Structures are given as C-alpha cells and as structure tokens.
Amino acid sequence: MASIALSANAFRFVSFRELLEAETGITTNEPDQVALQQAIERAVHSLVLEGAQLGYWRFDDPDAAAALLGSYQQANVNTPAPASAPQESALQSVVEASPS
C-alpha cells in the first residue's frame, strides 16, 4: 500500500535526424498506517450503513440517515446489495435455543 519510486530514463537515436528523449519522475504513496486506518474506517462505515439497510439498527435522525444511505448507495452502484435480513421468527428461535 505504500511505495516510493524514483526513475530517470534517457534515449538517444541517431538516424537521418537526431532524437533525444529524456524522462524523469517521482511517485510517493501514503504510509501504511494511514492506508490501514482509512481501510478500517471505510469498513466500519459500510458495516453500519449496511446494517441499517437490513434493519439491524436505526438512526436517531431519519433525515440524516436517508441522506447517508442515499450517498452510500450511489457510491456503491456497481456492488451487489446486501442479502436480505433474517426473518424475525428465525432470530427468535435462535434466542430461545441459546442457553441462559
């Protein structure tokens, strides 16, 4: 995720007319810690919004939630929608079957 590259190239070709080509460049990417932090933040953000879409939780402010979910859905147009939420009866049977 992090890299630094420094390069320089020179090319000279002699024929009917001379050609000299030179190229230099430098590239830097973000440090590992920043990239990892951004990946974790994006994953948590996605987890919260997809959980809200599936009905696992609700936001206190429905208007803000609608704006967040709308922008999230637009940003993820080419990704498949999350699977539907488990039925309430299936969740209830899991709760009843679990030891207390």
C-alpha atoms as a PDB file:
ATOM      1  CA  MET A   1       0.000   0.000   0.000  1.00  0.00           C
ATOM      2  CA  ALA A   2       2.944   2.315   0.390  1.00  0.00           C
ATOM      3  CA  SER A   3       5.668   2.897  -2.120  1.00  0.00           C
ATOM      4  CA  ILE A   4       8.162   5.434  -3.311  1.00  0.00           C
ATOM      5  CA  ALA A   5       9.635   5.321  -6.793  1.00  0.00           C
ATOM      6  CA  LEU A   6      12.259   7.495  -8.427  1.00  0.00           C
ATOM      7  CA  SER A   7      13.165   6.912 -12.044  1.00  0.00           C
ATOM      8  CA  ALA A   8      15.051   8.524 -14.891  1.00  0.00           C
ATOM      9  CA  ASN A   9      15.415   7.385 -18.496  1.00  0.00           C
ATOM     10  CA  ALA A  10      17.332   8.752 -21.446  1.00  0.00           C
ATOM     11  CA  PHE A  11      17.098   7.569 -25.044  1.00  0.00           C
ATOM     12  CA  ARG A  12      19.169   8.701 -27.985  1.00  0.00           C
ATOM     13  CA  PHE A  13      18.611   7.536 -31.522  1.00  0.00           C
ATOM     14  CA  VAL A  14      20.756   8.682 -34.407  1.00  0.00           C
ATOM     15  CA  SER A  15      19.464   8.352 -37.932  1.00  0.00           C
ATOM     16  CA  PHE A  16      18.563  10.823 -40.635  1.00  0.00           C
ATOM     17  CA  ARG A  17      17.677  13.253 -37.838  1.00  0.00           C
ATOM     18  CA  GLU A  18      18.806  13.019 -34.239  1.00  0.00           C
ATOM     19  CA  LEU A  19      16.323  12.325 -31.485  1.00  0.00           C
ATOM     20  CA  LEU A  20      16.993  12.693 -27.779  1.00  0.00           C
ATOM     21  CA  GLU A  21      14.323  11.757 -25.286  1.00  0.00           C
ATOM     22  CA  ALA A  22      14.625  12.221 -21.519  1.00  0.00           C
ATOM     23  CA  GLU A  23      12.132  11.326 -18.828  1.00  0.00           C
ATOM     24  CA  THR A  24      12.203  11.709 -15.061  1.00  0.00           C
ATOM     25  CA  GLY A  25       9.617  11.053 -12.394  1.00  0.00           C
ATOM     26  CA  ILE A  26       8.938  10.569  -8.718  1.00  0.00           C
ATOM     27  CA  THR A  27       5.979   8.847  -7.120  1.00  0.00           C
ATOM     28  CA  THR A  28       5.029   8.571  -3.464  1.00  0.00           C
ATOM     29  CA  ASN A  29       2.097   6.854  -1.820  1.00  0.00           C
ATOM     30  CA  GLU A  30       0.660   7.201   1.637  1.00  0.00           C
ATOM     31  CA  PRO A  31       2.242   5.469   4.624  1.00  0.00           C
ATOM     32  CA  ASP A  32       0.989   2.066   5.727  1.00  0.00           C
ATOM     33  CA  GLN A  33      -0.653   3.393   8.877  1.00  0.00           C
ATOM     34  CA  VAL A  34      -2.763   5.946   7.000  1.00  0.00           C
ATOM     35  CA  ALA A  35      -3.845   3.398   4.405  1.00  0.00           C
ATOM     36  CA  LEU A  36      -4.756   0.858   7.080  1.00  0.00           C
ATOM     37  CA  GLN A  37      -6.678   3.439   9.103  1.00  0.00           C
ATOM     38  CA  GLN A  38      -8.654   4.514   6.031  1.00  0.00           C
ATOM     39  CA  ALA A  39      -9.453   0.901   5.154  1.00  0.00           C
ATOM     40  CA  ILE A  40     -10.726   0.193   8.677  1.00  0.00           C
ATOM     41  CA  GLU A  41     -12.804   3.389   8.754  1.00  0.00           C
ATOM     42  CA  ARG A  42     -14.357   2.543   5.387  1.00  0.00           C
ATOM     43  CA  ALA A  43     -15.187  -0.987   6.558  1.00  0.00           C
ATOM     44  CA  VAL A  44     -16.867   0.251   9.759  1.00  0.00           C
ATOM     45  CA  HIS A  45     -18.789   2.898   7.797  1.00  0.00           C
ATOM     46  CA  SER A  46     -20.010   0.244   5.351  1.00  0.00           C
ATOM     47  CA  LEU A  47     -20.915  -2.141   8.179  1.00  0.00           C
ATOM     48  CA  VAL A  48     -23.037   0.484   9.926  1.00  0.00           C
ATOM     49  CA  LEU A  49     -24.858   1.571   6.774  1.00  0.00           C
ATOM     50  CA  GLU A  50     -25.482  -1.963   5.508  1.00  0.00           C
ATOM     51  CA  GLY A  51     -26.753  -2.950   8.961  1.00  0.00           C
ATOM     52  CA  ALA A  52     -29.185  -0.031   8.818  1.00  0.00           C
ATOM     53  CA  GLN A  53     -30.318  -1.101   5.333  1.00  0.00           C
ATOM     54  CA  LEU A  54     -31.000  -4.602   6.628  1.00  0.00           C
ATOM     55  CA  GLY A  55     -32.926  -3.303   9.627  1.00  0.00           C
ATOM     56  CA  TYR A  56     -30.491  -4.421  12.317  1.00  0.00           C
ATOM     57  CA  TRP A  57     -30.496  -0.895  13.783  1.00  0.00           C
ATOM     58  CA  ARG A  58     -31.934   2.546  13.175  1.00  0.00           C
ATOM     59  CA  PHE A  59     -30.573   6.070  13.332  1.00  0.00           C
ATOM     60  CA  ASP A  60     -31.957   8.662  15.750  1.00  0.00           C
ATOM     61  CA  ASP A  61     -32.318  11.191  12.909  1.00  0.00           C
ATOM     62  CA  PRO A  62     -34.215   9.648   9.956  1.00  0.00           C
ATOM     63  CA  ASP A  63     -33.428  12.587   7.659  1.00  0.00           C
ATOM     64  CA  ALA A  64     -29.685  12.293   8.223  1.00  0.00           C
ATOM     65  CA  ALA A  65     -29.954   8.517   7.818  1.00  0.00           C
ATOM     66  CA  ALA A  66     -31.723   8.898   4.468  1.00  0.00           C
ATOM     67  CA  ALA A  67     -29.014  11.255   3.223  1.00  0.00           C
ATOM     68  CA  LEU A  68     -26.220   8.925   4.363  1.00  0.00           C
ATOM     69  CA  LEU A  69     -27.854   5.828   2.908  1.00  0.00           C
ATOM     70  CA  GLY A  70     -28.578   7.605  -0.373  1.00  0.00           C
ATOM     71  CA  SER A  71     -24.984   8.755  -0.822  1.00  0.00           C
ATOM     72  CA  TYR A  72     -23.710   5.306   0.203  1.00  0.00           C
ATOM     73  CA  GLN A  73     -25.949   3.585  -2.343  1.00  0.00           C
ATOM     74  CA  GLN A  74     -24.885   5.976  -5.100  1.00  0.00           C
ATOM     75  CA  ALA A  75     -21.212   5.377  -4.311  1.00  0.00           C
ATOM     76  CA  ASN A  76     -21.748   1.611  -4.450  1.00  0.00           C
ATOM     77  CA  VAL A  77     -23.914   1.355  -7.565  1.00  0.00           C
ATOM     78  CA  ASN A  78     -21.851  -1.485  -9.085  1.00  0.00           C
ATOM     79  CA  THR A  79     -21.701  -3.601  -5.931  1.00  0.00           C
ATOM     80  CA  PRO A  80     -24.397  -6.147  -5.132  1.00  0.00           C
ATOM     81  CA  ALA A  81     -26.951  -5.245  -2.491  1.00  0.00           C
ATOM     82  CA  PRO A  82     -26.578  -6.953   0.889  1.00  0.00           C
ATOM     83  CA  ALA A  83     -28.588 -10.121   1.423  1.00  0.00           C
ATOM     84  CA  SER A  84     -31.991  -9.686   2.996  1.00  0.00           C
ATOM     85  CA  ALA A  85     -32.248  -9.607   6.758  1.00  0.00           C
ATOM     86  CA  PRO A  86     -33.073 -12.861   8.565  1.00  0.00           C
ATOM     87  CA  GLN A  87     -36.731 -13.323   9.392  1.00  0.00           C
ATOM     88  CA  GLU A  88     -37.828 -12.346  12.908  1.00  0.00           C
ATOM     89  CA  SER A  89     -39.048 -15.893  13.599  1.00  0.00           C
ATOM     90  CA  ALA A  90     -35.607 -17.296  12.739  1.00  0.00           C
ATOM     91  CA  LEU A  91     -33.950 -14.843  15.108  1.00  0.00           C
ATOM     92  CA  GLN A  92     -36.471 -15.643  17.847  1.00  0.00           C
ATOM     93  CA  SER A  93     -35.794 -19.405  17.557  1.00  0.00           C
ATOM     94  CA  VAL A  94     -32.061 -18.775  17.895  1.00  0.00           C
ATOM     95  CA  VAL A  95     -32.635 -16.678  21.027  1.00  0.00           C
ATOM     96  CA  GLU A  96     -34.940 -19.319  22.538  1.00  0.00           C
ATOM     97  CA  ALA A  97     -32.482 -22.143  21.766  1.00  0.00           C
ATOM     98  CA  SER A  98     -29.457 -20.414  23.283  1.00  0.00           C
ATOM     99  CA  PRO A  99     -28.503 -21.440  26.841  1.00  0.00           C
ATOM    100  CA  SER A 100     -29.118 -18.871  29.563  1.00  0.00           C
END
